[in-house]
Amino acid sequence: MAKRMAEVKRKTRETDVRLKLNLDGEGKYKIKTGIGFLDHMLELFAQHGLFDSEIRAKGDLRVDEHHLIEDIGISLGKAIKKALGNKKGIRRYGSITLSMDEALASVSLDISGRPYLAFNVVFYKKRIEKEFDYSLLEEFFRAVVVNAGITLHINLSYGKNNHHIAEAIFKGFGRALDQATGIDPRLKKVPSTKGRL
């Protein structure tokens, strides 16, 4: 089987992102984005999805975190799509319900070639000035979905702590994507009656 790895470089006037992804890894990661909370979430995604991931990113954080978070999402989506290649033999679907202390989230996805994001998550408003802007996570996942060509449903059943909610989502996304990108030896072609995804 060919190695399912990809490298993406994206440079704009606002950001500089370099990302490497191995879908058949062991969950090893080296991540430095300048946004500590995002680093932590991406580490959880890599570890729980068993993806080897290397991300180095810089951006106009003096303005805000939006451009960098979105461009990392774009880069991750492109890397997923590139690493999947022709998608022959993949399971295509992945779904998990995952708890993180008081938070419970479900993540379901289809590597369909049709980008769609359902993000049914409500974060609590910022309590302190320097807290991470959790509303940007929806923008991150939208960028991933559009550039990877996947359908992704993220639903929060309940939760009170924003950090725990985000952690359940990123762990769940890693595990669901691992299921969907996994190879089923019984499948000899692309899992679609159309013959392509």
Protein backbone atom coordinates (compact mmCIF):
# COMPACT_ATOMS: atom_id res chain seq x y z
CA MET A 1 0.00 0.00 0.00
CA ALA A 2 1.29 3.47 -0.91
CA LYS A 3 2.16 5.77 1.97
CA ARG A 4 -0.72 8.06 2.78
CA MET A 5 1.20 11.20 3.64
CA ALA A 6 0.98 14.80 2.56
CA GLU A 7 2.79 18.08 3.00
CA VAL A 8 1.08 21.43 2.55
CA LYS A 9 2.65 24.88 2.56
CA ARG A 10 0.43 27.93 2.61
CA LYS A 11 1.80 31.46 2.72
CA THR A 12 -0.24 34.64 2.55
CA ARG A 13 0.36 38.23 3.65
CA GLU A 14 -1.30 37.26 6.94
CA THR A 15 -0.01 33.75 7.67
CA ASP A 16 2.69 31.18 6.97
CA VAL A 17 1.65 27.55 7.54
CA ARG A 18 3.71 24.38 6.99
CA LEU A 19 1.93 21.13 7.71
CA LYS A 20 2.85 17.45 7.35
CA LEU A 21 0.34 14.64 7.90
CA ASN A 22 0.66 10.85 7.91
CA LEU A 23 -2.71 9.09 8.08
CA ASP A 24 -1.04 5.78 8.97
CA GLY A 25 1.04 7.06 11.84
CA GLU A 26 1.32 6.41 15.56
CA GLY A 27 0.00 9.69 16.94
CA LYS A 28 3.34 11.50 17.06
CA TYR A 29 3.22 15.27 16.77
CA LYS A 30 5.28 18.46 16.70
CA ILE A 31 2.96 21.43 16.73
CA LYS A 32 3.73 25.12 17.20
CA THR A 33 1.21 27.70 16.03
CA GLY A 34 1.73 30.55 18.47
CA ILE A 35 -1.71 29.80 19.96
CA GLY A 36 -1.17 27.52 22.94
CA PHE A 37 -4.75 26.34 23.23
CA LEU A 38 -4.93 25.43 19.52
CA ASP A 39 -1.63 23.54 19.81
CA HIS A 40 -3.18 21.47 22.60
CA MET A 41 -6.32 20.71 20.56
CA LEU A 42 -4.30 19.70 17.47
CA GLU A 43 -2.10 17.47 19.64
CA LEU A 44 -5.24 15.72 20.93
CA PHE A 45 -6.50 15.30 17.34
CA ALA A 46 -3.20 13.72 16.25
CA GLN A 47 -2.84 11.47 19.29
CA HIS A 48 -6.41 10.16 19.27
CA GLY A 49 -6.50 9.74 15.49
CA LEU A 50 -3.06 8.09 15.46
CA PHE A 51 -1.96 10.60 12.84
CA ASP A 52 1.66 11.73 12.73
CA SER A 53 1.45 15.48 12.42
CA GLU A 54 3.90 18.33 12.14
CA ILE A 55 2.58 21.88 12.09
CA ARG A 56 4.60 25.08 12.12
CA ALA A 57 2.55 28.23 11.73
CA LYS A 58 2.94 31.98 12.16
CA GLY A 59 0.37 34.67 11.69
CA ASP A 60 -0.77 38.21 12.40
CA LEU A 61 -1.72 37.46 16.00
CA ARG A 62 -1.34 41.15 16.82
CA VAL A 63 -4.60 41.60 14.88
CA ASP A 64 -6.38 38.48 16.17
CA GLU A 65 -6.31 34.68 15.91
CA HIS A 66 -8.88 34.32 13.12
CA HIS A 67 -6.61 34.33 10.04
CA LEU A 68 -4.15 31.82 11.47
CA ILE A 69 -6.78 29.40 12.79
CA GLU A 70 -8.66 29.44 9.48
CA ASP A 71 -5.47 28.95 7.42
CA ILE A 72 -4.39 26.03 9.58
CA GLY A 73 -7.84 24.51 8.96
CA ILE A 74 -7.43 25.07 5.21
CA SER A 75 -4.00 23.43 5.28
CA LEU A 76 -5.19 20.45 7.33
CA GLY A 77 -8.13 19.91 4.98
CA LYS A 78 -5.86 20.00 1.92
CA ALA A 79 -3.45 17.57 3.60
CA ILE A 80 -6.24 15.10 4.44
CA LYS A 81 -7.50 15.17 0.85
CA LYS A 82 -4.02 14.81 -0.62
CA ALA A 83 -3.00 11.98 1.74
CA LEU A 84 -6.17 10.01 0.92
CA GLY A 85 -5.21 9.82 -2.75
CA ASN A 86 -7.79 7.85 -4.78
CA LYS A 87 -9.60 6.74 -1.57
CA LYS A 88 -9.62 3.10 -2.70
CA GLY A 89 -10.48 0.73 0.15
CA ILE A 90 -11.25 3.37 2.79
CA ARG A 91 -14.13 2.76 5.18
CA ARG A 92 -15.44 6.23 4.30
CA TYR A 93 -17.60 6.74 7.41
CA GLY A 94 -16.60 7.40 11.00
CA SER A 95 -18.63 8.20 14.08
CA ILE A 96 -18.04 8.44 17.81
CA THR A 97 -19.65 9.83 20.94
CA LEU A 98 -16.98 10.95 23.34
CA SER A 99 -17.03 12.28 26.89
CA MET A 100 -14.62 14.66 28.56
CA ASP A 101 -15.63 15.00 32.18
CA GLU A 102 -19.05 16.76 32.15
CA ALA A 103 -19.05 17.33 28.35
CA LEU A 104 -20.47 14.85 25.84
CA ALA A 105 -20.01 15.37 22.09
CA SER A 106 -20.67 13.27 19.02
CA VAL A 107 -18.71 13.53 15.78
CA SER A 108 -19.83 11.83 12.57
CA LEU A 109 -18.21 12.19 9.17
CA ASP A 110 -18.37 10.96 5.61
CA ILE A 111 -15.46 11.27 3.20
CA SER A 112 -17.98 12.04 0.49
CA GLY A 113 -16.37 14.65 -1.73
CA ARG A 114 -19.27 16.92 -0.72
CA PRO A 115 -18.24 19.51 1.87
CA TYR A 116 -20.81 20.19 4.57
CA LEU A 117 -20.48 21.20 8.21
CA ALA A 118 -23.19 20.89 10.86
CA PHE A 119 -21.80 22.48 14.02
CA ASN A 120 -24.35 22.30 16.82
CA VAL A 121 -22.20 23.52 19.68
CA VAL A 122 -22.78 26.40 22.06
CA PHE A 123 -19.81 27.70 23.99
CA TYR A 124 -20.18 29.86 27.07
CA LYS A 125 -19.30 33.51 26.58
CA LYS A 126 -15.81 34.54 27.49
CA ARG A 127 -15.47 35.10 31.19
CA ILE A 128 -12.04 36.70 31.10
CA GLU A 129 -10.40 39.00 28.58
CA LYS A 130 -7.56 36.69 27.50
CA GLU A 131 -9.55 33.47 27.17
CA PHE A 132 -9.43 31.72 23.78
CA ASP A 133 -12.15 32.78 21.32
CA TYR A 134 -14.05 29.49 21.06
CA SER A 135 -16.26 30.80 18.24
CA LEU A 136 -13.23 30.41 15.94
CA LEU A 137 -13.43 26.61 16.23
CA GLU A 138 -16.43 26.54 13.92
CA GLU A 139 -14.38 28.52 11.37
CA PHE A 140 -11.53 26.03 11.76
CA PHE A 141 -13.76 23.03 11.08
CA ARG A 142 -15.50 24.77 8.17
CA ALA A 143 -12.08 25.36 6.56
CA VAL A 144 -11.12 21.70 7.10
CA VAL A 145 -14.41 20.44 5.62
CA VAL A 146 -14.34 22.63 2.50
CA ASN A 147 -10.73 21.76 1.67
CA ALA A 148 -10.90 18.04 2.54
CA GLY A 149 -14.24 17.49 0.80
CA ILE A 150 -15.91 15.81 3.76
CA THR A 151 -19.31 15.97 5.44
CA LEU A 152 -18.88 16.58 9.17
CA HIS A 153 -21.51 16.70 11.91
CA ILE A 154 -20.43 17.89 15.36
CA ASN A 155 -23.12 17.83 18.04
CA LEU A 156 -22.76 18.75 21.69
CA SER A 157 -25.21 16.90 23.93
CA TYR A 158 -24.17 18.91 26.99
CA GLY A 159 -21.21 20.47 28.74
CA LYS A 160 -20.35 23.43 30.96
CA ASN A 161 -16.60 23.91 30.61
CA ASN A 162 -15.49 25.36 27.25
CA HIS A 163 -12.12 23.63 27.42
CA HIS A 164 -13.73 20.23 28.05
CA ILE A 165 -16.25 20.79 25.23
CA ALA A 166 -13.47 21.63 22.76
CA GLU A 167 -11.38 18.69 23.95
CA ALA A 168 -14.25 16.24 23.41
CA ILE A 169 -14.73 17.62 19.89
CA PHE A 170 -11.07 17.40 18.82
CA LYS A 171 -10.57 13.94 20.30
CA GLY A 172 -13.79 12.83 18.64
CA PHE A 173 -12.77 14.31 15.29
CA GLY A 174 -9.46 12.46 15.43
CA ARG A 175 -11.07 9.14 16.26
CA ALA A 176 -13.89 9.48 13.71
CA LEU A 177 -11.43 10.47 10.97
CA ASP A 178 -9.23 7.50 11.87
CA GLN A 179 -12.23 5.18 11.43
CA ALA A 180 -13.21 6.76 8.10
CA THR A 181 -9.70 6.78 6.62
CA GLY A 182 -9.00 3.22 7.79
CA ILE A 183 -8.50 0.60 5.08
CA ASP A 184 -10.88 -2.36 4.92
CA PRO A 185 -9.06 -5.23 3.16
CA ARG A 186 -12.39 -6.52 1.84
CA LEU A 187 -12.92 -3.34 -0.15
CA LYS A 188 -11.17 -3.50 -3.53
CA LYS A 189 -12.51 -0.21 -4.85
CA VAL A 190 -13.78 3.20 -3.82
CA PRO A 191 -16.78 2.76 -1.44
CA SER A 192 -19.39 4.39 -3.65
CA THR A 193 -21.87 3.10 -6.23
CA LYS A 194 -20.78 6.06 -8.37
CA GLY A 195 -17.26 4.63 -8.58
CA ARG A 196 -15.65 7.79 -7.20
CA LEU A 197 -15.79 10.09 -4.19
